[in-house]
PDB file of N, CA and C in Angstrom:
ATOM      1  N   MET A   1      93.602  83.117 100.752  1.00  0.00           N
ATOM      2  CA  MET A   1      93.784  84.537 100.962  1.00  0.00           C
ATOM      3  C   MET A   1      92.686  85.271 100.222  1.00  0.00           C
ATOM      4  N   VAL A   2      92.140  86.271 100.881  1.00  0.00           N
ATOM      5  CA  VAL A   2      91.105  87.092 100.274  1.00  0.00           C
ATOM      6  C   VAL A   2      91.611  88.532 100.251  1.00  0.00           C
ATOM      7  N   GLY A   3      91.673  89.125  99.063  1.00  0.00           N
ATOM      8  CA  GLY A   3      92.116  90.506  98.925  1.00  0.00           C
ATOM      9  C   GLY A   3      91.033  91.455  99.408  1.00  0.00           C
ATOM     10  N   THR A   4      91.336  92.166 100.499  1.00  0.00           N
ATOM     11  CA  THR A   4      90.328  93.074 101.069  1.00  0.00           C
ATOM     12  C   THR A   4      90.844  94.503 101.192  1.00  0.00           C
ATOM     13  N   ALA A   5      91.679  94.915 100.250  1.00  0.00           N
ATOM     14  CA  ALA A   5      92.086  96.319 100.221  1.00  0.00           C
ATOM     15  C   ALA A   5      90.882  97.141  99.759  1.00  0.00           C
ATOM     16  N   THR A   6      91.040  98.408  99.603  1.00  0.00           N
ATOM     17  CA  THR A   6      89.923  99.294  99.260  1.00  0.00           C
ATOM     18  C   THR A   6      89.176  98.840  98.010  1.00  0.00           C
ATOM     19  N   CYS A   7      89.912  98.475  96.970  1.00  0.00           N
ATOM     20  CA  CYS A   7      89.243  98.065  95.729  1.00  0.00           C
ATOM     21  C   CYS A   7      88.472  96.764  95.928  1.00  0.00           C
ATOM     22  N   GLY A   8      89.032  95.842  96.685  1.00  0.00           N
ATOM     23  CA  GLY A   8      88.332  94.589  96.967  1.00  0.00           C
ATOM     24  C   GLY A   8      87.075  94.812  97.781  1.00  0.00           C
ATOM     25  N   ARG A   9      87.185  95.664  98.780  1.00  0.00           N
ATOM     26  CA  ARG A   9      86.008  95.973  99.609  1.00  0.00           C
ATOM     27  C   ARG A   9      84.919  96.635  98.782  1.00  0.00           C
ATOM     28  N   ALA A  10      85.322  97.548  97.931  1.00  0.00           N
ATOM     29  CA  ALA A  10      84.337  98.236  97.087  1.00  0.00           C
ATOM     30  C   ALA A  10      83.642  97.264  96.139  1.00  0.00           C
ATOM     31  N   ALA A  11      84.342  96.192  95.756  1.00  0.00           N
ATOM     32  CA  ALA A  11      83.785  95.207  94.833  1.00  0.00           C
ATOM     33  C   ALA A  11      82.994  94.109  95.541  1.00  0.00           C
ATOM     34  N   GLY A  12      83.024  94.091  96.891  1.00  0.00           N
ATOM     35  CA  GLY A  12      82.242  93.095  97.624  1.00  0.00           C
ATOM     36  C   GLY A  12      83.047  91.989  98.274  1.00  0.00           C
ATOM     37  N   ALA A  13      84.342  92.193  98.470  1.00  0.00           N
ATOM     38  CA  ALA A  13      85.199  91.151  99.046  1.00  0.00           C
ATOM     39  C   ALA A  13      84.810  90.763 100.471  1.00  0.00           C
ATOM     40  N   MET A  14      84.213  91.687 101.215  1.00  0.00           N
ATOM     41  CA  MET A  14      83.851  91.358 102.595  1.00  0.00           C
ATOM     42  C   MET A  14      82.753  90.291 102.645  1.00  0.00           C
ATOM     43  N   GLU A  15      81.855  90.299 101.686  1.00  0.00           N
ATOM     44  CA  GLU A  15      80.820  89.250 101.615  1.00  0.00           C
ATOM     45  C   GLU A  15      81.445  87.906 101.261  1.00  0.00           C
ATOM     46  N   VAL A  16      82.431  87.931 100.370  1.00  0.00           N
ATOM     47  CA  VAL A  16      83.145  86.704 100.001  1.00  0.00           C
ATOM     48  C   VAL A  16      83.899  86.171 101.214  1.00  0.00           C
ATOM     49  N   LEU A  17      84.583  87.051 101.935  1.00  0.00           N
ATOM     50  CA  LEU A  17      85.312  86.676 103.148  1.00  0.00           C
ATOM     51  C   LEU A  17      84.365  86.049 104.158  1.00  0.00           C
ATOM     52  N   LYS A  18      83.234  86.670 104.369  1.00  0.00           N
ATOM     53  CA  LYS A  18      82.222  86.178 105.313  1.00  0.00           C
ATOM     54  C   LYS A  18      81.739  84.782 104.901  1.00  0.00           C
ATOM     55  N   THR A  19      81.479  84.593 103.616  1.00  0.00           N
ATOM     56  CA  THR A  19      81.009  83.298 103.115  1.00  0.00           C
ATOM     57  C   THR A  19      82.064  82.220 103.309  1.00  0.00           C
ATOM     58  N   LEU A  20      83.308  82.519 102.964  1.00  0.00           N
ATOM     59  CA  LEU A  20      84.378  81.536 103.143  1.00  0.00           C
ATOM     60  C   LEU A  20      84.525  81.141 104.604  1.00  0.00           C
ATOM     61  N   ARG A  21      84.528  82.126 105.491  1.00  0.00           N
ATOM     62  CA  ARG A  21      84.653  81.825 106.927  1.00  0.00           C
ATOM     63  C   ARG A  21      83.480  80.977 107.418  1.00  0.00           C
ATOM     64  N   TYR A  22      82.293  81.309 106.963  1.00  0.00           N
ATOM     65  CA  TYR A  22      81.101  80.552 107.357  1.00  0.00           C
ATOM     66  C   TYR A  22      81.195  79.099 106.882  1.00  0.00           C
ATOM     67  N   GLU A  23      81.554  78.901 105.600  1.00  0.00           N
ATOM     68  CA  GLU A  23      81.624  77.549 105.031  1.00  0.00           C
ATOM     69  C   GLU A  23      82.697  76.710 105.726  1.00  0.00           C
ATOM     70  N   VAL A  24      83.832  77.305 106.042  1.00  0.00           N
ATOM     71  CA  VAL A  24      84.916  76.592 106.726  1.00  0.00           C
ATOM     72  C   VAL A  24      84.474  76.205 108.138  1.00  0.00           C
ATOM     73  N   LYS A  25      83.842  77.132 108.831  1.00  0.00           N
ATOM     74  CA  LYS A  25      83.377  76.854 110.202  1.00  0.00           C
ATOM     75  C   LYS A  25      82.263  75.806 110.186  1.00  0.00           C
ATOM     76  N   LYS A  26      81.319  75.932 109.264  1.00  0.00           N
ATOM     77  CA  LYS A  26      80.191  75.004 109.166  1.00  0.00           C
ATOM     78  C   LYS A  26      80.674  73.568 108.970  1.00  0.00           C
ATOM     79  N   ARG A  27      81.757  73.412 108.214  1.00  0.00           N
ATOM     80  CA  ARG A  27      82.279  72.076 107.901  1.00  0.00           C
ATOM     81  C   ARG A  27      83.413  71.653 108.839  1.00  0.00           C
ATOM     82  N   ASN A  28      83.709  72.506 109.815  1.00  0.00           N
ATOM     83  CA  ASN A  28      84.749  72.235 110.800  1.00  0.00           C
ATOM     84  C   ASN A  28      86.088  71.894 110.126  1.00  0.00           C
ATOM     85  N   LEU A  29      86.465  72.702 109.144  1.00  0.00           N
ATOM     86  CA  LEU A  29      87.700  72.483 108.396  1.00  0.00           C
ATOM     87  C   LEU A  29      88.879  73.179 109.061  1.00  0.00           C
ATOM     88  N   ASP A  30      90.033  72.559 108.982  1.00  0.00           N
ATOM     89  CA  ASP A  30      91.266  73.187 109.450  1.00  0.00           C
ATOM     90  C   ASP A  30      91.879  73.904 108.254  1.00  0.00           C
ATOM     91  N   CYS A  31      91.310  75.051 107.944  1.00  0.00           N
ATOM     92  CA  CYS A  31      91.650  75.769 106.721  1.00  0.00           C
ATOM     93  C   CYS A  31      91.664  77.268 107.037  1.00  0.00           C
ATOM     94  N   PRO A  32      92.848  77.860 107.188  1.00  0.00           N
ATOM     95  CA  PRO A  32      92.876  79.288 107.521  1.00  0.00           C
ATOM     96  C   PRO A  32      92.358  80.156 106.371  1.00  0.00           C
ATOM     97  N   ILE A  33      91.541  81.118 106.714  1.00  0.00           N
ATOM     98  CA  ILE A  33      91.072  82.128 105.758  1.00  0.00           C
ATOM     99  C   ILE A  33      91.809  83.407 106.135  1.00  0.00           C
ATOM    100  N   ILE A  34      92.697  83.843 105.273  1.00  0.00           N
ATOM    101  CA  ILE A  34      93.570  84.971 105.586  1.00  0.00           C
ATOM    102  C   ILE A  34      93.139  86.190 104.786  1.00  0.00           C
ATOM    103  N   GLU A  35      92.872  87.249 105.508  1.00  0.00           N
ATOM    104  CA  GLU A  35      92.511  88.527 104.889  1.00  0.00           C
ATOM    105  C   GLU A  35      93.801  89.275 104.574  1.00  0.00           C
ATOM    106  N   VAL A  36      93.995  89.636 103.306  1.00  0.00           N
ATOM    107  CA  VAL A  36      95.207  90.349 102.906  1.00  0.00           C
ATOM    108  C   VAL A  36      94.839  91.673 102.246  1.00  0.00           C
ATOM    109  N   GLY A  37      95.816  92.516 102.104  1.00  0.00           N
ATOM    110  CA  GLY A  37      95.611  93.812 101.466  1.00  0.00           C
ATOM    111  C   GLY A  37      95.677  93.695  99.948  1.00  0.00           C
ATOM    112  N   CYS A  38      96.278  94.682  99.353  1.00  0.00           N
ATOM    113  CA  CYS A  38      96.337  94.768  97.890  1.00  0.00           C
ATOM    114  C   CYS A  38      97.099  93.587  97.304  1.00  0.00           C
ATOM    115  N   MET A  39      96.464  92.938  96.329  1.00  0.00           N
ATOM    116  CA  MET A  39      97.098  91.832  95.629  1.00  0.00           C
ATOM    117  C   MET A  39      97.564  92.276  94.243  1.00  0.00           C
ATOM    118  N   GLY A  40      97.300  93.549  93.899  1.00  0.00           N
ATOM    119  CA  GLY A  40      97.774  94.107  92.643  1.00  0.00           C
ATOM    120  C   GLY A  40      96.925  93.771  91.428  1.00  0.00           C
ATOM    121  N   HIS A  41      95.733  93.272  91.649  1.00  0.00           N
ATOM    122  CA  HIS A  41      94.863  92.885  90.534  1.00  0.00           C
ATOM    123  C   HIS A  41      93.488  93.533  90.682  1.00  0.00           C
ATOM    124  N   CYS A  42      93.482  94.845  90.776  1.00  0.00           N
ATOM    125  CA  CYS A  42      92.226  95.589  91.002  1.00  0.00           C
ATOM    126  C   CYS A  42      91.161  95.282  89.951  1.00  0.00           C
ATOM    127  N   TYR A  43      91.584  95.076  88.728  1.00  0.00           N
ATOM    128  CA  TYR A  43      90.650  94.833  87.632  1.00  0.00           C
ATOM    129  C   TYR A  43      89.846  93.549  87.827  1.00  0.00           C
ATOM    130  N   SER A  44      90.349  92.620  88.646  1.00  0.00           N
ATOM    131  CA  SER A  44      89.685  91.329  88.788  1.00  0.00           C
ATOM    132  C   SER A  44      89.112  91.094  90.177  1.00  0.00           C
ATOM    133  N   GLU A  45      89.033  92.154  90.967  1.00  0.00           N
ATOM    134  CA  GLU A  45      88.482  91.995  92.310  1.00  0.00           C
ATOM    135  C   GLU A  45      87.087  91.408  92.242  1.00  0.00           C
ATOM    136  N   ARG A  46      86.859  90.589  92.991  1.00  0.00           N
ATOM    137  CA  ARG A  46      87.117  90.022  94.277  1.00  0.00           C
ATOM    138  C   ARG A  46      88.030  88.826  94.092  1.00  0.00           C
ATOM    139  N   ASN A  47      89.274  88.951  94.596  1.00  0.00           N
ATOM    140  CA  ASN A  47      90.293  87.919  94.383  1.00  0.00           C
ATOM    141  C   ASN A  47      90.419  87.004  95.588  1.00  0.00           C
ATOM    142  N   VAL A  48      90.527  85.709  95.309  1.00  0.00           N
ATOM    143  CA  VAL A  48      90.769  84.695  96.335  1.00  0.00           C
ATOM    144  C   VAL A  48      91.888  83.803  95.815  1.00  0.00           C
ATOM    145  N   THR A  49      92.923  83.630  96.609  1.00  0.00           N
ATOM    146  CA  THR A  49      94.008  82.713  96.256  1.00  0.00           C
ATOM    147  C   THR A  49      93.972  81.541  97.220  1.00  0.00           C
ATOM    148  N   ILE A  50      93.950  80.347  96.653  1.00  0.00           N
ATOM    149  CA  ILE A  50      93.936  79.141  97.473  1.00  0.00           C
ATOM    150  C   ILE A  50      95.266  78.426  97.312  1.00  0.00           C
ATOM    151  N   THR A  51      95.895  78.167  98.444  1.00  0.00           N
ATOM    152  CA  THR A  51      97.116  77.384  98.489  1.00  0.00           C
ATOM    153  C   THR A  51      96.774  76.083  99.185  1.00  0.00           C
ATOM    154  N   LYS A  52      96.907  74.989  98.449  1.00  0.00           N
ATOM    155  CA  LYS A  52      96.531  73.681  98.960  1.00  0.00           C
ATOM    156  C   LYS A  52      97.656  72.698  98.655  1.00  0.00           C
ATOM    157  N   PRO A  53      98.030  71.855  99.638  1.00  0.00           N
ATOM    158  CA  PRO A  53      99.089  70.872  99.380  1.00  0.00           C
ATOM    159  C   PRO A  53      98.803  70.049  98.124  1.00  0.00           C
ATOM    160  N   GLY A  54      99.836  69.885  97.315  1.00  0.00           N
ATOM    161  CA  GLY A  54      99.709  69.120  96.086  1.00  0.00           C
ATOM    162  C   GLY A  54      99.315  69.946  94.875  1.00  0.00           C
ATOM    163  N   TYR A  55      99.038  71.229  95.081  1.00  0.00           N
ATOM    164  CA  TYR A  55      98.638  72.132  93.997  1.00  0.00           C
ATOM    165  C   TYR A  55      99.466  73.411  94.081  1.00  0.00           C
ATOM    166  N   PRO A  56      99.690  74.066  92.957  1.00  0.00           N
ATOM    167  CA  PRO A  56     100.304  75.400  93.029  1.00  0.00           C
ATOM    168  C   PRO A  56      99.257  76.370  93.577  1.00  0.00           C
ATOM    169  N   PRO A  57      99.669  77.522  94.091  1.00  0.00           N
ATOM    170  CA  PRO A  57      98.663  78.515  94.500  1.00  0.00           C
ATOM    171  C   PRO A  57      97.797  78.877  93.293  1.00  0.00           C
ATOM    172  N   ILE A  58      96.504  78.924  93.496  1.00  0.00           N
ATOM    173  CA  ILE A  58      95.578  79.241  92.409  1.00  0.00           C
ATOM    174  C   ILE A  58      94.822  80.504  92.778  1.00  0.00           C
ATOM    175  N   CYS A  59      94.895  81.498  91.898  1.00  0.00           N
ATOM    176  CA  CYS A  59      94.206  82.766  92.114  1.00  0.00           C
ATOM    177  C   CYS A  59      92.896  82.762  91.326  1.00  0.00           C
ATOM    178  N   TYR A  60      91.817  83.022  92.039  1.00  0.00           N
ATOM    179  CA  TYR A  60      90.488  83.096  91.435  1.00  0.00           C
ATOM    180  C   TYR A  60      90.059  84.556  91.381  1.00  0.00           C
ATOM    181  N   ALA A  61      89.430  84.940  90.281  1.00  0.00           N
ATOM    182  CA  ALA A  61      89.021  86.324  90.069  1.00  0.00           C
ATOM    183  C   ALA A  61      87.503  86.440  90.050  1.00  0.00           C
ATOM    184  N   HIS A  62      87.020  87.621  90.372  1.00  0.00           N
ATOM    185  CA  HIS A  62      85.589  87.941  90.329  1.00  0.00           C
ATOM    186  C   HIS A  62      84.767  86.960  91.158  1.00  0.00           C
ATOM    187  N   VAL A  63      85.303  86.563  92.311  1.00  0.00           N
ATOM    188  CA  VAL A  63      84.629  85.599  93.181  1.00  0.00           C
ATOM    189  C   VAL A  63      83.467  86.292  93.891  1.00  0.00           C
ATOM    190  N   ASN A  64      82.313  85.640  93.878  1.00  0.00           N
ATOM    191  CA  ASN A  64      81.159  86.120  94.640  1.00  0.00           C
ATOM    192  C   ASN A  64      80.847  85.066  95.705  1.00  0.00           C
ATOM    193  N   PRO A  65      79.889  85.299  96.594  1.00  0.00           N
ATOM    194  CA  PRO A  65      79.605  84.307  97.634  1.00  0.00           C
ATOM    195  C   PRO A  65      79.256  82.918  97.094  1.00  0.00           C
ATOM    196  N   ALA A  66      78.525  82.827  95.997  1.00  0.00           N
ATOM    197  CA  ALA A  66      78.180  81.515  95.427  1.00  0.00           C
ATOM    198  C   ALA A  66      79.429  80.781  94.937  1.00  0.00           C
ATOM    199  N   ILE A  67      80.338  81.510  94.298  1.00  0.00           N
ATOM    200  CA  ILE A  67      81.585  80.901  93.835  1.00  0.00           C
ATOM    201  C   ILE A  67      82.439  80.501  95.037  1.00  0.00           C
ATOM    202  N   ALA A  68      82.460  81.332  96.070  1.00  0.00           N
ATOM    203  CA  ALA A  68      83.224  81.019  97.284  1.00  0.00           C
ATOM    204  C   ALA A  68      82.746  79.703  97.885  1.00  0.00           C
ATOM    205  N   GLU A  69      81.458  79.506  97.923  1.00  0.00           N
ATOM    206  CA  GLU A  69      80.899  78.255  98.442  1.00  0.00           C
ATOM    207  C   GLU A  69      81.334  77.070  97.564  1.00  0.00           C
ATOM    208  N   ARG A  70      81.321  77.262  96.257  1.00  0.00           N
ATOM    209  CA  ARG A  70      81.773  76.206  95.337  1.00  0.00           C
ATOM    210  C   ARG A  70      83.246  75.882  95.545  1.00  0.00           C
ATOM    211  N   LEU A  71      84.072  76.904  95.788  1.00  0.00           N
ATOM    212  CA  LEU A  71      85.497  76.667  96.009  1.00  0.00           C
ATOM    213  C   LEU A  71      85.718  75.748  97.210  1.00  0.00           C
ATOM    214  N   ILE A  72      84.950  75.974  98.262  1.00  0.00           N
ATOM    215  CA  ILE A  72      85.067  75.111  99.441  1.00  0.00           C
ATOM    216  C   ILE A  72      84.608  73.697  99.105  1.00  0.00           C
ATOM    217  N   LYS A  73      83.442  73.571  98.513  1.00  0.00           N
ATOM    218  CA  LYS A  73      82.877  72.248  98.215  1.00  0.00           C
ATOM    219  C   LYS A  73      83.686  71.480  97.178  1.00  0.00           C
ATOM    220  N   GLU A  74      84.023  72.131  96.078  1.00  0.00           N
ATOM    221  CA  GLU A  74      84.615  71.427  94.948  1.00  0.00           C
ATOM    222  C   GLU A  74      86.138  71.330  94.994  1.00  0.00           C
ATOM    223  N   PHE A  75      86.802  72.360  95.523  1.00  0.00           N
ATOM    224  CA  PHE A  75      88.260  72.321  95.523  1.00  0.00           C
ATOM    225  C   PHE A  75      88.812  71.905  96.883  1.00  0.00           C
ATOM    226  N   ILE A  76      88.422  72.598  97.931  1.00  0.00           N
ATOM    227  CA  ILE A  76      88.960  72.278  99.250  1.00  0.00           C
ATOM    228  C   ILE A  76      88.545  70.864  99.668  1.00  0.00           C
ATOM    229  N   LEU A  77      87.284  70.534  99.509  1.00  0.00           N
ATOM    230  CA  LEU A  77      86.798  69.213  99.905  1.00  0.00           C
ATOM    231  C   LEU A  77      86.912  68.162  98.804  1.00  0.00           C
ATOM    232  N   GLY A  78      86.777  68.577  97.551  1.00  0.00           N
ATOM    233  CA  GLY A  78      86.683  67.599  96.483  1.00  0.00           C
ATOM    234  C   GLY A  78      87.867  67.511  95.545  1.00  0.00           C
ATOM    235  N   ASP A  79      88.902  68.297  95.753  1.00  0.00           N
ATOM    236  CA  ASP A  79      90.093  68.259  94.899  1.00  0.00           C
ATOM    237  C   ASP A  79      89.820  68.576  93.436  1.00  0.00           C
ATOM    238  N   GLU A  80      88.833  69.406  93.164  1.00  0.00           N
ATOM    239  CA  GLU A  80      88.526  69.829  91.798  1.00  0.00           C
ATOM    240  C   GLU A  80      88.701  71.339  91.684  1.00  0.00           C
ATOM    241  N   PRO A  81      89.889  71.813  91.267  1.00  0.00           N
ATOM    242  CA  PRO A  81      90.038  73.259  91.074  1.00  0.00           C
ATOM    243  C   PRO A  81      89.027  73.719  90.017  1.00  0.00           C
ATOM    244  N   ILE A  82      88.424  74.836  90.242  1.00  0.00           N
ATOM    245  CA  ILE A  82      87.411  75.352  89.318  1.00  0.00           C
ATOM    246  C   ILE A  82      88.102  76.292  88.340  1.00  0.00           C
ATOM    247  N   ALA A  83      88.373  75.816  87.150  1.00  0.00           N
ATOM    248  CA  ALA A  83      89.138  76.583  86.168  1.00  0.00           C
ATOM    249  C   ALA A  83      88.368  77.771  85.606  1.00  0.00           C
ATOM    250  N   ASP A  84      87.046  77.766  85.708  1.00  0.00           N
ATOM    251  CA  ASP A  84      86.233  78.844  85.143  1.00  0.00           C
ATOM    252  C   ASP A  84      86.575  80.217  85.708  1.00  0.00           C
ATOM    253  N   TYR A  85      87.141  80.277  86.902  1.00  0.00           N
ATOM    254  CA  TYR A  85      87.361  81.556  87.566  1.00  0.00           C
ATOM    255  C   TYR A  85      88.837  81.867  87.803  1.00  0.00           C
ATOM    256  N   THR A  86      89.736  81.106  87.175  1.00  0.00           N
ATOM    257  CA  THR A  86      91.163  81.367  87.353  1.00  0.00           C
ATOM    258  C   THR A  86      91.657  82.318  86.267  1.00  0.00           C
ATOM    259  N   CYS A  87      92.869  82.788  86.448  1.00  0.00           N
ATOM    260  CA  CYS A  87      93.469  83.681  85.451  1.00  0.00           C
ATOM    261  C   CYS A  87      93.578  82.953  84.117  1.00  0.00           C
ATOM    262  N   GLN A  88      93.151  83.602  83.070  1.00  0.00           N
ATOM    263  CA  GLN A  88      93.173  83.007  81.734  1.00  0.00           C
ATOM    264  C   GLN A  88      94.174  83.698  80.812  1.00  0.00           C
ATOM    265  N   SER A  89      95.102  84.443  81.382  1.00  0.00           N
ATOM    266  CA  SER A  89      96.127  85.154  80.604  1.00  0.00           C
ATOM    267  C   SER A  89      95.503  86.042  79.530  1.00  0.00           C
ATOM    268  N   CYS A  90      94.477  86.797  79.949  1.00  0.00           N
ATOM    269  CA  CYS A  90      93.770  87.664  78.999  1.00  0.00           C
ATOM    270  C   CYS A  90      94.527  88.962  78.734  1.00  0.00           C
ATOM    271  N   GLY A  91      95.434  89.323  79.639  1.00  0.00           N
ATOM    272  CA  GLY A  91      96.213  90.539  79.456  1.00  0.00           C
ATOM    273  C   GLY A  91      95.632  91.770  80.137  1.00  0.00           C
ATOM    274  N   GLU A  92      94.462  91.632  80.794  1.00  0.00           N
ATOM    275  CA  GLU A  92      93.861  92.794  81.462  1.00  0.00           C
ATOM    276  C   GLU A  92      94.780  93.368  82.523  1.00  0.00           C
ATOM    277  N   CYS A  93      95.511  92.504  83.232  1.00  0.00           N
ATOM    278  CA  CYS A  93      96.400  93.002  84.283  1.00  0.00           C
ATOM    279  C   CYS A  93      97.525  93.850  83.686  1.00  0.00           C
ATOM    280  N   VAL A  94      98.018  93.452  82.531  1.00  0.00           N
ATOM    281  CA  VAL A  94      99.079  94.208  81.863  1.00  0.00           C
ATOM    282  C   VAL A  94      98.563  95.593  81.484  1.00  0.00           C
ATOM    283  N   ILE A  95      97.354  95.634  80.970  1.00  0.00           N
ATOM    284  CA  ILE A  95      96.750  96.902  80.566  1.00  0.00           C
ATOM    285  C   ILE A  95      96.476  97.784  81.781  1.00  0.00           C
ATOM    286  N   ALA A  96      95.993  97.171  82.871  1.00  0.00           N
ATOM    287  CA  ALA A  96      95.581  97.933  84.050  1.00  0.00           C
ATOM    288  C   ALA A  96      96.740  98.324  84.958  1.00  0.00           C
ATOM    289  N   CYS A  97      97.885  97.670  84.834  1.00  0.00           N
ATOM    290  CA  CYS A  97      99.006  97.910  85.747  1.00  0.00           C
ATOM    291  C   CYS A  97      99.524  99.342  85.596  1.00  0.00           C
ATOM    292  N   PRO A  98      99.440 100.153  86.666  1.00  0.00           N
ATOM    293  CA  PRO A  98      99.859 101.553  86.562  1.00  0.00           C
ATOM    294  C   PRO A  98     101.374 101.734  86.463  1.00  0.00           C
ATOM    295  N   SER A  99     102.152 100.756  86.931  1.00  0.00           N
ATOM    296  CA  SER A  99     103.612 100.922  86.923  1.00  0.00           C
ATOM    297  C   SER A  99     104.278 100.337  85.685  1.00  0.00           C
ATOM    298  N   GLY A 100     103.543  99.522  84.919  1.00  0.00           N
ATOM    299  CA  GLY A 100     104.140  98.868  83.765  1.00  0.00           C
ATOM    300  C   GLY A 100     104.993  97.664  84.138  1.00  0.00           C
ATOM    301  N   ALA A 101     104.893  97.217  85.389  1.00  0.00           N
ATOM    302  CA  ALA A 101     105.717  96.110  85.869  1.00  0.00           C
ATOM    303  C   ALA A 101     105.237  94.751  85.374  1.00  0.00           C
ATOM    304  N   LEU A 102     103.992  94.650  84.960  1.00  0.00           N
ATOM    305  CA  LEU A 102     103.456  93.376  84.503  1.00  0.00           C
ATOM    306  C   LEU A 102     103.588  93.244  82.992  1.00  0.00           C
ATOM    307  N   THR A 103     103.932  92.047  82.549  1.00  0.00           N
ATOM    308  CA  THR A 103     104.005  91.763  81.120  1.00  0.00           C
ATOM    309  C   THR A 103     103.355  90.412  80.861  1.00  0.00           C
ATOM    310  N   LEU A 104     102.967  90.177  79.636  1.00  0.00           N
ATOM    311  CA  LEU A 104     102.464  88.867  79.272  1.00  0.00           C
ATOM    312  C   LEU A 104     103.622  87.885  79.289  1.00  0.00           C
ATOM    313  N   LYS A 105     103.347  86.611  79.517  1.00  0.00           N
ATOM    314  CA  LYS A 105     104.397  85.603  79.608  1.00  0.00           C
ATOM    315  C   LYS A 105     105.341  85.635  78.418  1.00  0.00           C
ATOM    316  N   ASP A 106     104.800  85.680  77.210  1.00  0.00           N
ATOM    317  CA  ASP A 106     105.646  85.679  76.018  1.00  0.00           C
ATOM    318  C   ASP A 106     106.520  86.922  75.942  1.00  0.00           C
ATOM    319  N   GLN A 107     105.961  88.079  76.323  1.00  0.00           N
ATOM    320  CA  GLN A 107     106.745  89.304  76.315  1.00  0.00           C
ATOM    321  C   GLN A 107     107.878  89.213  77.332  1.00  0.00           C
ATOM    322  N   HIS A 108     107.598  88.609  78.484  1.00  0.00           N
ATOM    323  CA  HIS A 108     108.606  88.466  79.534  1.00  0.00           C
ATOM    324  C   HIS A 108     109.739  87.567  79.046  1.00  0.00           C
ATOM    325  N   ARG A 109     109.390  86.445  78.432  1.00  0.00           N
ATOM    326  CA  ARG A 109     110.418  85.532  77.916  1.00  0.00           C
ATOM    327  C   ARG A 109     111.276  86.217  76.856  1.00  0.00           C
ATOM    328  N   THR A 110     110.629  86.963  75.959  1.00  0.00           N
ATOM    329  CA  THR A 110     111.353  87.670  74.900  1.00  0.00           C
ATOM    330  C   THR A 110     112.286  88.710  75.506  1.00  0.00           C
ATOM    331  N   ALA A 111     111.796  89.446  76.502  1.00  0.00           N
ATOM    332  CA  ALA A 111     112.616  90.470  77.143  1.00  0.00           C
ATOM    333  C   ALA A 111     113.822  89.843  77.833  1.00  0.00           C
ATOM    334  N   LYS A 112     113.621  88.704  78.523  1.00  0.00           N
ATOM    335  CA  LYS A 112     114.739  88.031  79.185  1.00  0.00           C
ATOM    336  C   LYS A 112     115.748  87.523  78.162  1.00  0.00           C
ATOM    337  N   ARG A 113     115.267  86.952  77.058  1.00  0.00           N
ATOM    338  CA  ARG A 113     116.161  86.442  76.017  1.00  0.00           C
ATOM    339  C   ARG A 113     116.961  87.590  75.414  1.00  0.00           C
ATOM    340  N   THR A 114     116.285  88.697  75.127  1.00  0.00           N
ATOM    341  CA  THR A 114     116.958  89.858  74.548  1.00  0.00           C
ATOM    342  C   THR A 114     118.019  90.388  75.504  1.00  0.00           C
ATOM    343  N   GLN A 115     117.728  90.435  76.793  1.00  0.00           N
ATOM    344  CA  GLN A 115     118.692  90.897  77.779  1.00  0.00           C
ATOM    345  C   GLN A 115     119.907  89.981  77.819  1.00  0.00           C
ATOM    346  N   ARG A 116     119.701  88.671  77.789  1.00  0.00           N
ATOM    347  CA  ARG A 116     120.812  87.718  77.778  1.00  0.00           C
ATOM    348  C   ARG A 116     121.670  87.888  76.528  1.00  0.00           C
ATOM    349  N   GLU A 117     121.018  88.126  75.398  1.00  0.00           N
ATOM    350  CA  GLU A 117     121.748  88.324  74.141  1.00  0.00           C
ATOM    351  C   GLU A 117     122.610  89.570  74.212  1.00  0.00           C
ATOM    352  N   LYS A 118     122.090  90.652  74.804  1.00  0.00           N
ATOM    353  CA  LYS A 118     122.872  91.881  74.953  1.00  0.00           C
ATOM    354  C   LYS A 118     124.072  91.660  75.862  1.00  0.00           C
ATOM    355  N   GLU A 119     123.842  90.912  76.949  1.00  0.00           N
ATOM    356  CA  GLU A 119     124.927  90.650  77.896  1.00  0.00           C
ATOM    357  C   GLU A 119     126.024  89.794  77.258  1.00  0.00           C
ATOM    358  N   ALA A 120     125.660  88.950  76.320  1.00  0.00           N
ATOM    359  CA  ALA A 120     126.627  88.063  75.663  1.00  0.00           C
ATOM    360  C   ALA A 120     127.549  88.817  74.712  1.00  0.00           C
ATOM    361  N   LEU A 121     127.140  90.005  74.276  1.00  0.00           N
ATOM    362  CA  LEU A 121     127.975  90.771  73.328  1.00  0.00           C
ATOM    363  C   LEU A 121     129.194  91.356  73.947  1.00  0.00           C
TER     364      LEU A 121
END
């Protein structure tokens, strides 16, 4: 999936989309390239999420055409997810989220535990 909402387009997602489609066609791969709207991660645009059997969905951030080509060669064809461009739990999404709906993993666990403790009273 390639995020191509307004923020993605402004960041260059259409070039990434074009590169992915070209690489898939060039290699005659049975691999759908799906253009999607807002993925909720404007701060990290150009976003590409790859869902591949045997792996959890992996979201890549700041993808450019060169990285897109590597994703096809190294992950789709070679089974090597490229960790350099995946989410690193830096917290930027929490800071950038306008609704406050995103939290860091530890904060989420603490909030759930606190809620359970309140319910137990």
